[in-house]
N, C-alpha and C. Protein backbone atom coordinates (compact mmCIF):
# COMPACT_ATOMS: atom_id res chain seq x y z
N MET A 1 18.92 -0.72 -11.59
CA MET A 1 17.95 -0.64 -10.52
C MET A 1 18.51 -1.41 -9.33
N GLY A 2 18.54 -0.75 -8.20
CA GLY A 2 19.04 -1.37 -6.99
C GLY A 2 17.97 -2.20 -6.29
N SER A 3 18.38 -2.90 -5.25
CA SER A 3 17.44 -3.75 -4.54
C SER A 3 16.37 -2.94 -3.81
N SER A 4 16.71 -1.75 -3.35
CA SER A 4 15.70 -0.93 -2.67
C SER A 4 14.64 -0.42 -3.66
N ALA A 5 15.06 -0.11 -4.87
CA ALA A 5 14.10 0.31 -5.89
C ALA A 5 13.19 -0.85 -6.29
N LEU A 6 13.77 -2.04 -6.39
CA LEU A 6 12.96 -3.21 -6.70
C LEU A 6 11.97 -3.50 -5.58
N ALA A 7 12.41 -3.37 -4.34
CA ALA A 7 11.52 -3.57 -3.19
C ALA A 7 10.38 -2.55 -3.20
N ALA A 8 10.68 -1.32 -3.59
CA ALA A 8 9.64 -0.28 -3.67
C ALA A 8 8.61 -0.65 -4.73
N TRP A 9 9.06 -1.10 -5.88
CA TRP A 9 8.13 -1.51 -6.94
C TRP A 9 7.26 -2.67 -6.48
N VAL A 10 7.86 -3.65 -5.82
CA VAL A 10 7.10 -4.79 -5.32
C VAL A 10 6.07 -4.33 -4.29
N GLY A 11 6.45 -3.42 -3.41
CA GLY A 11 5.52 -2.90 -2.42
C GLY A 11 4.33 -2.20 -3.04
N HIS A 12 4.58 -1.40 -4.06
CA HIS A 12 3.48 -0.70 -4.75
C HIS A 12 2.58 -1.69 -5.49
N LEU A 13 3.19 -2.67 -6.12
CA LEU A 13 2.41 -3.68 -6.85
C LEU A 13 1.54 -4.48 -5.88
N ILE A 14 2.12 -4.91 -4.77
CA ILE A 14 1.36 -5.67 -3.77
C ILE A 14 0.24 -4.82 -3.19
N PHE A 15 0.50 -3.53 -2.97
CA PHE A 15 -0.55 -2.64 -2.44
C PHE A 15 -1.77 -2.66 -3.34
N TRP A 16 -1.57 -2.42 -4.63
CA TRP A 16 -2.71 -2.35 -5.54
C TRP A 16 -3.37 -3.71 -5.73
N ILE A 17 -2.59 -4.79 -5.68
CA ILE A 17 -3.18 -6.13 -5.76
C ILE A 17 -4.06 -6.37 -4.54
N LEU A 18 -3.59 -6.01 -3.35
CA LEU A 18 -4.38 -6.20 -2.13
C LEU A 18 -5.64 -5.35 -2.14
N VAL A 19 -5.54 -4.12 -2.61
CA VAL A 19 -6.74 -3.25 -2.66
C VAL A 19 -7.77 -3.82 -3.62
N ILE A 20 -7.34 -4.21 -4.80
CA ILE A 20 -8.28 -4.75 -5.79
C ILE A 20 -8.84 -6.09 -5.31
N TRP A 21 -7.98 -6.96 -4.78
CA TRP A 21 -8.43 -8.26 -4.30
C TRP A 21 -9.41 -8.10 -3.13
N GLY A 22 -9.10 -7.18 -2.22
CA GLY A 22 -9.99 -6.94 -1.09
C GLY A 22 -11.35 -6.44 -1.52
N ARG A 23 -11.37 -5.61 -2.55
CA ARG A 23 -12.65 -5.09 -3.04
C ARG A 23 -13.43 -6.17 -3.79
N LEU A 24 -12.74 -6.97 -4.60
CA LEU A 24 -13.43 -8.01 -5.37
C LEU A 24 -13.99 -9.12 -4.49
N THR A 25 -13.34 -9.40 -3.38
CA THR A 25 -13.81 -10.45 -2.48
C THR A 25 -14.70 -9.88 -1.37
N ASP A 26 -15.04 -8.63 -1.44
CA ASP A 26 -15.86 -7.94 -0.44
C ASP A 26 -15.26 -7.96 0.95
N SER A 27 -13.95 -8.14 1.05
CA SER A 27 -13.26 -8.02 2.34
C SER A 27 -13.08 -6.57 2.72
N LEU A 28 -12.97 -5.71 1.72
CA LEU A 28 -12.92 -4.25 1.94
C LEU A 28 -14.20 -3.66 1.39
N GLY A 29 -14.79 -2.79 2.16
CA GLY A 29 -15.97 -2.09 1.67
C GLY A 29 -15.57 -0.98 0.70
N VAL A 30 -16.54 -0.33 0.16
CA VAL A 30 -16.29 0.75 -0.79
C VAL A 30 -15.56 1.89 -0.09
N VAL A 31 -15.98 2.22 1.11
CA VAL A 31 -15.36 3.32 1.85
C VAL A 31 -13.89 3.00 2.15
N ALA A 32 -13.62 1.79 2.61
CA ALA A 32 -12.24 1.40 2.92
C ALA A 32 -11.38 1.42 1.66
N THR A 33 -11.93 0.97 0.55
CA THR A 33 -11.19 0.99 -0.71
C THR A 33 -10.84 2.41 -1.12
N VAL A 34 -11.80 3.31 -1.01
CA VAL A 34 -11.56 4.71 -1.36
C VAL A 34 -10.56 5.34 -0.40
N VAL A 35 -10.65 5.02 0.88
CA VAL A 35 -9.71 5.57 1.86
C VAL A 35 -8.30 5.11 1.56
N PHE A 36 -8.10 3.82 1.29
CA PHE A 36 -6.76 3.33 0.98
C PHE A 36 -6.25 3.91 -0.33
N ALA A 37 -7.11 4.05 -1.32
CA ALA A 37 -6.68 4.66 -2.58
C ALA A 37 -6.26 6.10 -2.35
N LEU A 38 -7.01 6.84 -1.55
CA LEU A 38 -6.65 8.23 -1.26
C LEU A 38 -5.38 8.31 -0.42
N LEU A 39 -5.21 7.35 0.52
CA LEU A 39 -3.98 7.34 1.32
C LEU A 39 -2.75 7.09 0.45
N TRP A 40 -2.94 6.48 -0.71
CA TRP A 40 -1.82 6.29 -1.63
C TRP A 40 -1.71 7.46 -2.60
N LEU A 41 -2.83 7.92 -3.13
CA LEU A 41 -2.81 8.94 -4.19
C LEU A 41 -2.38 10.32 -3.70
N VAL A 42 -2.86 10.74 -2.54
CA VAL A 42 -2.53 12.09 -2.05
C VAL A 42 -1.03 12.26 -1.85
N PRO A 43 -0.35 11.35 -1.14
CA PRO A 43 1.11 11.53 -1.02
C PRO A 43 1.83 11.41 -2.37
N PHE A 44 1.34 10.54 -3.25
CA PHE A 44 1.99 10.36 -4.54
C PHE A 44 2.00 11.66 -5.35
N PHE A 45 0.87 12.38 -5.34
CA PHE A 45 0.79 13.61 -6.11
C PHE A 45 1.35 14.83 -5.39
N THR A 46 1.66 14.72 -4.11
CA THR A 46 2.22 15.85 -3.37
C THR A 46 3.70 15.67 -3.05
N LEU A 47 4.35 14.68 -3.64
CA LEU A 47 5.77 14.44 -3.39
C LEU A 47 6.65 15.64 -3.72
N ASP A 48 6.28 16.37 -4.76
CA ASP A 48 7.10 17.50 -5.20
C ASP A 48 7.03 18.69 -4.26
N TYR A 49 6.04 18.73 -3.40
CA TYR A 49 5.84 19.88 -2.54
C TYR A 49 6.44 19.73 -1.14
N VAL A 50 6.87 18.52 -0.80
CA VAL A 50 7.42 18.26 0.52
C VAL A 50 8.88 17.81 0.37
N PRO A 51 9.80 18.51 1.01
CA PRO A 51 11.20 18.09 0.89
C PRO A 51 11.42 16.69 1.46
N TRP A 52 12.20 15.91 0.79
CA TRP A 52 12.57 14.54 1.17
C TRP A 52 11.38 13.58 1.23
N ALA A 53 10.26 13.94 0.69
CA ALA A 53 9.09 13.07 0.76
C ALA A 53 9.27 11.81 -0.07
N ALA A 54 10.02 11.89 -1.15
CA ALA A 54 10.19 10.72 -2.01
C ALA A 54 10.87 9.57 -1.27
N GLY A 55 11.75 9.89 -0.35
CA GLY A 55 12.43 8.86 0.42
C GLY A 55 11.55 8.17 1.45
N PHE A 56 10.45 8.81 1.81
CA PHE A 56 9.55 8.24 2.81
C PHE A 56 8.31 7.59 2.21
N PHE A 57 8.14 7.70 0.90
CA PHE A 57 6.92 7.18 0.28
C PHE A 57 6.90 5.65 0.26
N SER A 58 8.01 5.02 -0.06
CA SER A 58 8.03 3.55 -0.12
C SER A 58 7.82 2.92 1.26
N PRO A 59 8.46 3.40 2.33
CA PRO A 59 8.14 2.85 3.65
C PRO A 59 6.69 3.11 4.06
N TYR A 60 6.15 4.24 3.65
CA TYR A 60 4.75 4.55 3.92
C TYR A 60 3.83 3.53 3.24
N VAL A 61 4.13 3.20 1.99
CA VAL A 61 3.34 2.20 1.27
C VAL A 61 3.50 0.83 1.93
N ALA A 62 4.68 0.53 2.45
CA ALA A 62 4.90 -0.74 3.15
C ALA A 62 4.01 -0.83 4.39
N VAL A 63 3.85 0.26 5.10
CA VAL A 63 2.96 0.28 6.26
C VAL A 63 1.51 0.07 5.83
N LEU A 64 1.12 0.70 4.73
CA LEU A 64 -0.22 0.48 4.20
C LEU A 64 -0.42 -0.98 3.80
N ASP A 65 0.61 -1.60 3.23
CA ASP A 65 0.55 -3.03 2.88
C ASP A 65 0.31 -3.88 4.13
N ILE A 66 1.03 -3.57 5.20
CA ILE A 66 0.88 -4.34 6.44
C ILE A 66 -0.53 -4.19 7.00
N VAL A 67 -1.06 -2.99 6.98
CA VAL A 67 -2.43 -2.77 7.47
C VAL A 67 -3.43 -3.53 6.61
N LEU A 68 -3.23 -3.52 5.30
CA LEU A 68 -4.14 -4.26 4.41
C LEU A 68 -4.07 -5.76 4.67
N VAL A 69 -2.88 -6.29 4.88
CA VAL A 69 -2.75 -7.73 5.17
C VAL A 69 -3.48 -8.06 6.46
N PHE A 70 -3.32 -7.25 7.49
CA PHE A 70 -4.03 -7.49 8.75
C PHE A 70 -5.54 -7.42 8.55
N MET A 71 -6.00 -6.48 7.74
CA MET A 71 -7.44 -6.35 7.52
C MET A 71 -8.00 -7.49 6.68
N LEU A 72 -7.30 -7.87 5.64
CA LEU A 72 -7.83 -8.88 4.71
C LEU A 72 -7.70 -10.30 5.24
N PHE A 73 -6.59 -10.59 5.92
CA PHE A 73 -6.35 -11.95 6.39
C PHE A 73 -6.64 -12.11 7.88
N LYS A 74 -7.17 -11.08 8.51
CA LYS A 74 -7.53 -11.10 9.94
C LYS A 74 -6.35 -11.47 10.83
N GLY A 75 -5.17 -11.01 10.46
CA GLY A 75 -3.97 -11.27 11.23
C GLY A 75 -2.78 -11.43 10.31
N ASP A 76 -1.69 -11.87 10.88
CA ASP A 76 -0.47 -12.04 10.12
C ASP A 76 -0.54 -13.31 9.27
N VAL A 77 0.19 -13.33 8.18
CA VAL A 77 0.22 -14.47 7.29
C VAL A 77 1.38 -15.38 7.70
N ARG A 78 1.09 -16.63 7.96
CA ARG A 78 2.14 -17.59 8.33
C ARG A 78 2.86 -18.06 7.07
N LEU A 79 4.17 -18.08 7.12
CA LEU A 79 4.96 -18.53 5.97
C LEU A 79 5.36 -19.98 6.06
N THR A 80 5.09 -20.63 7.18
CA THR A 80 5.48 -22.04 7.33
C THR A 80 4.30 -22.95 7.12
């Protein structure tokens, strides 16, 4: 497994952790949770029908992760 594959796995794991955490803490409403789940599920199940879609799925999930972080933490997370 290469570093890009590992990064993809981490991105998917973080996505689902953020969705579940946002729902459990009531930071995400039911509608937002369903929308984010559908934004992940629809491309996942349609990868076979779009040429080169598999290469764009991990960056797409990374963008969803960034949007979730902005929504849940009301801005960027400081690392210092």
